[in-house]
PDB file of N, CA and C in Angstrom:
ATOM      1  N   MET A   1     -24.464  10.522  17.132  1.00  0.00           N
ATOM      2  CA  MET A   1     -23.915   9.875  16.965  1.00  0.00           C
ATOM      3  C   MET A   1     -22.986   9.432  16.029  1.00  0.00           C
ATOM      4  N   GLU A   2     -23.716   9.713  14.520  1.00  0.00           N
ATOM      5  CA  GLU A   2     -22.939   8.823  13.466  1.00  0.00           C
ATOM      6  C   GLU A   2     -21.809   9.767  13.437  1.00  0.00           C
ATOM      7  N   GLY A   3     -21.792  11.204  13.118  1.00  0.00           N
ATOM      8  CA  GLY A   3     -20.022  11.927  13.222  1.00  0.00           C
ATOM      9  C   GLY A   3     -19.321  11.359  14.381  1.00  0.00           C
ATOM     10  N   LEU A   4     -19.471  10.642  15.183  1.00  0.00           N
ATOM     11  CA  LEU A   4     -18.342  10.037  16.334  1.00  0.00           C
ATOM     12  C   LEU A   4     -18.301   8.455  15.388  1.00  0.00           C
ATOM     13  N   GLY A   5     -19.112   7.751  15.110  1.00  0.00           N
ATOM     14  CA  GLY A   5     -18.346   6.700  14.062  1.00  0.00           C
ATOM     15  C   GLY A   5     -17.755   7.117  13.090  1.00  0.00           C
ATOM     16  N   CYS A   6     -17.849   7.946  12.431  1.00  0.00           N
ATOM     17  CA  CYS A   6     -17.039   8.704  11.424  1.00  0.00           C
ATOM     18  C   CYS A   6     -15.683   8.559  11.611  1.00  0.00           C
ATOM     19  N   CYS A   7     -15.721   9.616  12.988  1.00  0.00           N
ATOM     20  CA  CYS A   7     -14.420   9.726  12.834  1.00  0.00           C
ATOM     21  C   CYS A   7     -13.527   8.511  13.768  1.00  0.00           C
ATOM     22  N   LEU A   8     -14.214   8.088  14.290  1.00  0.00           N
ATOM     23  CA  LEU A   8     -13.395   6.410  14.947  1.00  0.00           C
ATOM     24  C   LEU A   8     -12.859   5.703  13.949  1.00  0.00           C
ATOM     25  N   ASN A   9     -13.782   5.599  12.484  1.00  0.00           N
ATOM     26  CA  ASN A   9     -13.068   4.838  11.391  1.00  0.00           C
ATOM     27  C   ASN A   9     -11.994   5.608  10.674  1.00  0.00           C
ATOM     28  N   CYS A  10     -12.045   7.214  10.636  1.00  0.00           N
ATOM     29  CA  CYS A  10     -10.958   7.811  10.191  1.00  0.00           C
ATOM     30  C   CYS A  10      -9.805   7.287  10.779  1.00  0.00           C
ATOM     31  N   LEU A  11      -9.755   7.339  12.330  1.00  0.00           N
ATOM     32  CA  LEU A  11      -9.279   7.087  13.250  1.00  0.00           C
ATOM     33  C   LEU A  11      -8.255   5.673  12.602  1.00  0.00           C
ATOM     34  N   LYS A  12      -9.090   4.198  13.081  1.00  0.00           N
ATOM     35  CA  LYS A  12      -8.895   3.120  12.609  1.00  0.00           C
ATOM     36  C   LYS A  12      -8.185   2.954  11.027  1.00  0.00           C
ATOM     37  N   ARG A  13      -8.441   3.964  10.194  1.00  0.00           N
ATOM     38  CA  ARG A  13      -7.894   3.751   8.737  1.00  0.00           C
ATOM     39  C   ARG A  13      -6.876   4.513   9.060  1.00  0.00           C
ATOM     40  N   MET A  14      -6.235   5.787   9.242  1.00  0.00           N
ATOM     41  CA  MET A  14      -5.051   6.675  10.005  1.00  0.00           C
ATOM     42  C   MET A  14      -3.554   5.074  10.888  1.00  0.00           C
ATOM     43  N   GLN A  15      -4.427   4.499  11.229  1.00  0.00           N
ATOM     44  CA  GLN A  15      -3.677   3.560  12.222  1.00  0.00           C
ATOM     45  C   GLN A  15      -3.158   2.127  11.706  1.00  0.00           C
ATOM     46  N   SER A  16      -3.522   2.200  10.354  1.00  0.00           N
ATOM     47  CA  SER A  16      -3.644   0.717   9.931  1.00  0.00           C
ATOM     48  C   SER A  16      -1.983   0.274   9.550  1.00  0.00           C
ATOM     49  N   GLU A  17      -1.808  -0.777   9.524  1.00  0.00           N
ATOM     50  CA  GLU A  17      -0.274  -0.831   9.258  1.00  0.00           C
ATOM     51  C   GLU A  17      -0.515  -2.380   8.234  1.00  0.00           C
ATOM     52  N   LEU A  18       0.991  -2.346   7.482  1.00  0.00           N
ATOM     53  CA  LEU A  18       0.791  -3.713   6.507  1.00  0.00           C
ATOM     54  C   LEU A  18       2.461  -3.686   6.389  1.00  0.00           C
ATOM     55  N   ILE A  19       2.744  -5.034   5.911  1.00  0.00           N
ATOM     56  CA  ILE A  19       4.325  -5.064   6.171  1.00  0.00           C
ATOM     57  C   ILE A  19       5.065  -4.715   4.760  1.00  0.00           C
ATOM     58  N   ALA A  20       5.730  -3.964   4.619  1.00  0.00           N
ATOM     59  CA  ALA A  20       6.252  -4.121   3.424  1.00  0.00           C
ATOM     60  C   ALA A  20       8.277  -4.087   3.127  1.00  0.00           C
ATOM     61  N   ASN A  21       8.594  -4.916   2.596  1.00  0.00           N
ATOM     62  CA  ASN A  21       9.951  -5.440   2.450  1.00  0.00           C
ATOM     63  C   ASN A  21      10.065  -5.770   3.771  1.00  0.00           C
ATOM     64  N   GLY A  22       9.085  -6.474   4.731  1.00  0.00           N
ATOM     65  CA  GLY A  22       9.545  -7.231   5.869  1.00  0.00           C
ATOM     66  C   GLY A  22       9.355  -5.858   6.970  1.00  0.00           C
ATOM     67  N   LYS A  23       9.316  -4.958   6.619  1.00  0.00           N
ATOM     68  CA  LYS A  23       8.815  -3.927   8.224  1.00  0.00           C
ATOM     69  C   LYS A  23       7.477  -3.437   8.445  1.00  0.00           C
ATOM     70  N   ARG A  24       7.455  -3.262   9.296  1.00  0.00           N
ATOM     71  CA  ARG A  24       5.795  -2.715   9.728  1.00  0.00           C
ATOM     72  C   ARG A  24       5.757  -1.254   9.211  1.00  0.00           C
ATOM     73  N   VAL A  25       4.444  -0.532   7.924  1.00  0.00           N
ATOM     74  CA  VAL A  25       4.674   0.799   7.638  1.00  0.00           C
ATOM     75  C   VAL A  25       3.064   0.656   7.949  1.00  0.00           C
ATOM     76  N   GLY A  26       3.154   1.995   8.531  1.00  0.00           N
ATOM     77  CA  GLY A  26       1.867   2.527   8.612  1.00  0.00           C
ATOM     78  C   GLY A  26       1.290   3.535   7.178  1.00  0.00           C
ATOM     79  N   ALA A  27      -0.360   3.223   7.193  1.00  0.00           N
ATOM     80  CA  ALA A  27      -0.642   3.178   6.322  1.00  0.00           C
ATOM     81  C   ALA A  27      -2.132   3.529   6.261  1.00  0.00           C
ATOM     82  N   PRO A  28      -2.695   4.494   5.199  1.00  0.00           N
ATOM     83  CA  PRO A  28      -4.256   5.173   5.488  1.00  0.00           C
ATOM     84  C   PRO A  28      -5.354   4.086   4.756  1.00  0.00           C
ATOM     85  N   LEU A  29      -5.292   2.996   5.378  1.00  0.00           N
ATOM     86  CA  LEU A  29      -5.660   1.561   4.910  1.00  0.00           C
ATOM     87  C   LEU A  29      -7.290   1.629   4.693  1.00  0.00           C
ATOM     88  N   PRO A  30      -8.157   0.991   4.041  1.00  0.00           N
ATOM     89  CA  PRO A  30      -7.697   0.281   2.394  1.00  0.00           C
ATOM     90  C   PRO A  30      -7.513   1.603   1.745  1.00  0.00           C
ATOM     91  N   CYS A  31      -6.174   1.268   0.833  1.00  0.00           N
ATOM     92  CA  CYS A  31      -5.759   1.683  -0.425  1.00  0.00           C
ATOM     93  C   CYS A  31      -5.690   0.855  -1.133  1.00  0.00           C
ATOM     94  N   SER A  32      -5.662   1.611  -2.499  1.00  0.00           N
ATOM     95  CA  SER A  32      -5.143   0.601  -3.960  1.00  0.00           C
ATOM     96  C   SER A  32      -3.300   0.640  -3.858  1.00  0.00           C
ATOM     97  N   ILE A  33      -2.640  -0.031  -4.280  1.00  0.00           N
ATOM     98  CA  ILE A  33      -1.285  -0.220  -4.448  1.00  0.00           C
ATOM     99  C   ILE A  33      -0.339   1.379  -4.564  1.00  0.00           C
ATOM    100  N   HIS A  34      -1.462   1.792  -5.758  1.00  0.00           N
ATOM    101  CA  HIS A  34      -0.877   2.844  -6.587  1.00  0.00           C
ATOM    102  C   HIS A  34      -0.686   4.108  -5.372  1.00  0.00           C
ATOM    103  N   GLN A  35      -1.941   4.070  -4.681  1.00  0.00           N
ATOM    104  CA  GLN A  35      -1.837   4.937  -3.605  1.00  0.00           C
ATOM    105  C   GLN A  35      -0.794   5.021  -2.667  1.00  0.00           C
ATOM    106  N   PHE A  36      -0.912   4.040  -2.060  1.00  0.00           N
ATOM    107  CA  PHE A  36       0.367   3.400  -1.115  1.00  0.00           C
ATOM    108  C   PHE A  36       1.716   3.623  -1.899  1.00  0.00           C
ATOM    109  N   LEU A  37       1.950   3.291  -2.802  1.00  0.00           N
ATOM    110  CA  LEU A  37       3.424   3.765  -3.345  1.00  0.00           C
ATOM    111  C   LEU A  37       3.706   5.213  -3.602  1.00  0.00           C
ATOM    112  N   VAL A  38       2.706   6.121  -3.878  1.00  0.00           N
ATOM    113  CA  VAL A  38       2.899   7.434  -4.125  1.00  0.00           C
ATOM    114  C   VAL A  38       3.197   7.960  -2.835  1.00  0.00           C
ATOM    115  N   SER A  39       2.260   7.443  -1.847  1.00  0.00           N
ATOM    116  CA  SER A  39       2.524   7.984  -0.177  1.00  0.00           C
ATOM    117  C   SER A  39       3.899   7.615   0.430  1.00  0.00           C
ATOM    118  N   GLN A  40       4.424   6.758  -0.192  1.00  0.00           N
ATOM    119  CA  GLN A  40       5.820   6.433   0.233  1.00  0.00           C
ATOM    120  C   GLN A  40       7.085   7.089  -0.582  1.00  0.00           C
ATOM    121  N   GLY A  41       6.228   7.656  -1.572  1.00  0.00           N
ATOM    122  CA  GLY A  41       7.235   8.099  -2.318  1.00  0.00           C
ATOM    123  C   GLY A  41       8.196   7.811  -3.620  1.00  0.00           C
ATOM    124  N   LEU A  42       7.534   6.619  -3.477  1.00  0.00           N
ATOM    125  CA  LEU A  42       8.091   5.698  -4.901  1.00  0.00           C
ATOM    126  C   LEU A  42       7.038   5.939  -6.316  1.00  0.00           C
ATOM    127  N   PRO A  43       7.683   6.348  -7.166  1.00  0.00           N
ATOM    128  CA  PRO A  43       6.761   6.120  -8.760  1.00  0.00           C
ATOM    129  C   PRO A  43       6.186   4.661  -8.860  1.00  0.00           C
ATOM    130  N   PRO A  44       5.099   5.008  -9.032  1.00  0.00           N
ATOM    131  CA  PRO A  44       4.585   3.586  -9.485  1.00  0.00           C
ATOM    132  C   PRO A  44       5.162   2.766 -10.520  1.00  0.00           C
ATOM    133  N   ARG A  45       5.763   3.817 -11.562  1.00  0.00           N
ATOM    134  CA  ARG A  45       6.224   2.972 -13.061  1.00  0.00           C
ATOM    135  C   ARG A  45       7.705   2.652 -12.685  1.00  0.00           C
ATOM    136  N   SER A  46       8.063   2.887 -11.255  1.00  0.00           N
ATOM    137  CA  SER A  46       9.563   2.229 -11.447  1.00  0.00           C
ATOM    138  C   SER A  46       9.483   1.499 -10.380  1.00  0.00           C
ATOM    139  N   VAL A  47       8.642   0.288 -10.084  1.00  0.00           N
ATOM    140  CA  VAL A  47       8.589  -0.341  -9.213  1.00  0.00           C
ATOM    141  C   VAL A  47       7.997  -1.801  -9.766  1.00  0.00           C
ATOM    142  N   VAL A  48       8.420  -3.151  -9.130  1.00  0.00           N
ATOM    143  CA  VAL A  48       7.939  -4.448  -9.194  1.00  0.00           C
ATOM    144  C   VAL A  48       7.079  -4.629  -8.070  1.00  0.00           C
ATOM    145  N   VAL A  49       5.892  -5.008  -7.798  1.00  0.00           N
ATOM    146  CA  VAL A  49       5.170  -5.152  -6.717  1.00  0.00           C
ATOM    147  C   VAL A  49       4.925  -6.812  -6.479  1.00  0.00           C
ATOM    148  N   GLU A  50       5.191  -7.514  -5.336  1.00  0.00           N
ATOM    149  CA  GLU A  50       4.269  -8.246  -5.016  1.00  0.00           C
ATOM    150  C   GLU A  50       3.513  -8.773  -3.535  1.00  0.00           C
ATOM    151  N   HIS A  51       2.156  -8.925  -4.037  1.00  0.00           N
ATOM    152  CA  HIS A  51       1.226  -8.304  -2.761  1.00  0.00           C
ATOM    153  C   HIS A  51       1.137  -9.803  -2.270  1.00  0.00           C
ATOM    154  N   ASN A  52       1.090 -10.358  -1.126  1.00  0.00           N
ATOM    155  CA  ASN A  52       0.864 -11.181  -0.434  1.00  0.00           C
ATOM    156  C   ASN A  52       1.158 -12.526  -0.948  1.00  0.00           C
ATOM    157  N   GLY A  53       2.271 -12.208  -1.905  1.00  0.00           N
ATOM    158  CA  GLY A  53       2.834 -14.071  -2.636  1.00  0.00           C
ATOM    159  C   GLY A  53       2.937 -13.751  -4.085  1.00  0.00           C
ATOM    160  N   GLU A  54       2.153 -12.734  -4.367  1.00  0.00           N
ATOM    161  CA  GLU A  54       1.607 -12.895  -5.842  1.00  0.00           C
ATOM    162  C   GLU A  54       2.101 -11.709  -6.371  1.00  0.00           C
ATOM    163  N   ALA A  55       2.915 -11.909  -7.717  1.00  0.00           N
ATOM    164  CA  ALA A  55       3.077 -10.836  -8.685  1.00  0.00           C
ATOM    165  C   ALA A  55       1.967  -9.880  -9.280  1.00  0.00           C
ATOM    166  N   VAL A  56       2.226  -8.597  -9.046  1.00  0.00           N
ATOM    167  CA  VAL A  56       1.017  -7.574  -9.485  1.00  0.00           C
ATOM    168  C   VAL A  56       1.281  -6.519 -10.827  1.00  0.00           C
ATOM    169  N   ALA A  57       0.684  -6.880 -11.862  1.00  0.00           N
ATOM    170  CA  ALA A  57       0.964  -6.064 -12.719  1.00  0.00           C
ATOM    171  C   ALA A  57       1.281  -4.726 -12.770  1.00  0.00           C
ATOM    172  N   PRO A  58       1.640  -3.986 -13.219  1.00  0.00           N
ATOM    173  CA  PRO A  58       1.763  -2.417 -12.743  1.00  0.00           C
ATOM    174  C   PRO A  58       0.095  -2.134 -13.439  1.00  0.00           C
ATOM    175  N   SER A  59      -0.585  -2.322 -14.382  1.00  0.00           N
ATOM    176  CA  SER A  59      -2.132  -1.948 -14.474  1.00  0.00           C
ATOM    177  C   SER A  59      -2.654  -2.393 -14.015  1.00  0.00           C
ATOM    178  N   GLU A  60      -2.642  -3.189 -12.806  1.00  0.00           N
ATOM    179  CA  GLU A  60      -3.186  -3.343 -11.807  1.00  0.00           C
ATOM    180  C   GLU A  60      -3.408  -2.703 -10.437  1.00  0.00           C
ATOM    181  N   PHE A  61      -2.309  -1.825 -10.341  1.00  0.00           N
ATOM    182  CA  PHE A  61      -1.782  -1.182  -9.472  1.00  0.00           C
ATOM    183  C   PHE A  61      -2.788  -0.204  -8.374  1.00  0.00           C
ATOM    184  N   GLN A  62      -3.563   0.391  -9.924  1.00  0.00           N
ATOM    185  CA  GLN A  62      -5.145   1.037  -9.092  1.00  0.00           C
ATOM    186  C   GLN A  62      -5.930   0.704  -8.599  1.00  0.00           C
ATOM    187  N   GLU A  63      -6.322  -0.782  -8.987  1.00  0.00           N
ATOM    188  CA  GLU A  63      -7.203  -1.029  -8.469  1.00  0.00           C
ATOM    189  C   GLU A  63      -7.196  -2.428  -7.083  1.00  0.00           C
ATOM    190  N   ARG A  64      -5.913  -2.828  -6.864  1.00  0.00           N
ATOM    191  CA  ARG A  64      -5.565  -3.925  -5.999  1.00  0.00           C
ATOM    192  C   ARG A  64      -5.782  -3.067  -4.776  1.00  0.00           C
ATOM    193  N   GLN A  65      -6.492  -3.509  -3.783  1.00  0.00           N
ATOM    194  CA  GLN A  65      -6.720  -2.493  -2.518  1.00  0.00           C
ATOM    195  C   GLN A  65      -6.194  -3.229  -1.494  1.00  0.00           C
ATOM    196  N   LEU A  66      -5.486  -2.620  -0.986  1.00  0.00           N
ATOM    197  CA  LEU A  66      -4.531  -3.436   0.457  1.00  0.00           C
ATOM    198  C   LEU A  66      -5.337  -2.987   1.602  1.00  0.00           C
ATOM    199  N   LYS A  67      -4.835  -3.996   2.563  1.00  0.00           N
ATOM    200  CA  LYS A  67      -5.841  -3.963   3.731  1.00  0.00           C
ATOM    201  C   LYS A  67      -4.730  -4.314   4.962  1.00  0.00           C
ATOM    202  N   ALA A  68      -5.090  -3.981   6.319  1.00  0.00           N
ATOM    203  CA  ALA A  68      -4.030  -4.158   7.570  1.00  0.00           C
ATOM    204  C   ALA A  68      -3.842  -5.809   7.404  1.00  0.00           C
ATOM    205  N   GLY A  69      -2.445  -5.738   7.434  1.00  0.00           N
ATOM    206  CA  GLY A  69      -1.783  -7.250   7.415  1.00  0.00           C
ATOM    207  C   GLY A  69      -1.463  -7.642   6.499  1.00  0.00           C
ATOM    208  N   ASP A  70      -1.599  -7.305   5.043  1.00  0.00           N
ATOM    209  CA  ASP A  70      -1.089  -7.466   4.122  1.00  0.00           C
ATOM    210  C   ASP A  70       0.639  -7.230   4.076  1.00  0.00           C
ATOM    211  N   ARG A  71       1.051  -8.134   3.131  1.00  0.00           N
ATOM    212  CA  ARG A  71       2.216  -8.129   3.220  1.00  0.00           C
ATOM    213  C   ARG A  71       2.868  -7.546   1.391  1.00  0.00           C
ATOM    214  N   LEU A  72       3.731  -6.772   1.468  1.00  0.00           N
ATOM    215  CA  LEU A  72       4.263  -6.246  -0.023  1.00  0.00           C
ATOM    216  C   LEU A  72       5.823  -6.329   0.087  1.00  0.00           C
ATOM    217  N   GLU A  73       6.243  -6.931  -1.140  1.00  0.00           N
ATOM    218  CA  GLU A  73       7.691  -6.786  -1.671  1.00  0.00           C
ATOM    219  C   GLU A  73       7.671  -6.063  -2.837  1.00  0.00           C
ATOM    220  N   ILE A  74       8.260  -4.566  -2.524  1.00  0.00           N
ATOM    221  CA  ILE A  74       8.470  -3.913  -3.343  1.00  0.00           C
ATOM    222  C   ILE A  74      10.141  -3.588  -3.667  1.00  0.00           C
ATOM    223  N   VAL A  75      10.102  -3.801  -5.351  1.00  0.00           N
ATOM    224  CA  VAL A  75      11.856  -3.678  -5.351  1.00  0.00           C
ATOM    225  C   VAL A  75      11.935  -2.688  -6.650  1.00  0.00           C
ATOM    226  N   ARG A  76      12.732  -1.612  -6.492  1.00  0.00           N
ATOM    227  CA  ARG A  76      12.949  -0.881  -7.806  1.00  0.00           C
ATOM    228  C   ARG A  76      13.573  -1.021  -8.412  1.00  0.00           C
ATOM    229  N   ILE A  77      12.829  -0.428 -10.078  1.00  0.00           N
ATOM    230  CA  ILE A  77      14.226  -0.833 -11.043  1.00  0.00           C
ATOM    231  C   ILE A  77      14.593  -0.120 -11.372  1.00  0.00           C
ATOM    232  N   VAL A  78      15.970  -0.366 -11.805  1.00  0.00           N
ATOM    233  CA  VAL A  78      17.405   0.741 -11.733  1.00  0.00           C
ATOM    234  C   VAL A  78      17.526   0.598 -12.970  1.00  0.00           C
ATOM    235  N   ALA A  79      17.443   1.126 -14.044  1.00  0.00           N
ATOM    236  CA  ALA A  79      18.371   1.577 -15.415  1.00  0.00           C
ATOM    237  C   ALA A  79      19.864   1.412 -15.382  1.00  0.00           C
ATOM    238  N   GLY A  80      20.790   1.120 -15.943  1.00  0.00           N
ATOM    239  CA  GLY A  80      21.973   1.475 -16.329  1.00  0.00           C
ATOM    240  C   GLY A  80      22.670   0.331 -16.745  1.00  0.00           C
ATOM    241  N   GLY A  81      24.213   0.197 -16.801  1.00  0.00           N
ATOM    242  CA  GLY A  81      25.075  -0.444 -17.580  1.00  0.00           C
ATOM    243  C   GLY A  81      26.246  -0.841 -17.141  1.00  0.00           C
TER     244      GLY A  81
END
């Protein structure tokens, strides 16, 4: 029965959602902010992130864990003149 429990846990993880820039987004949760950004095609060095209303330093992207229902605001950094 242990194998079935593992499969159910994987299924729950695959179906989890969070809110990113006001939109529901499916994600393999829990995961780090870094993992989430990469899964969305966003280079972590090119964005500024707010997690549940708190600004997150890029140095924390690897450690900060996301869970279902969390809210992210992600802003792309654009260079130019």
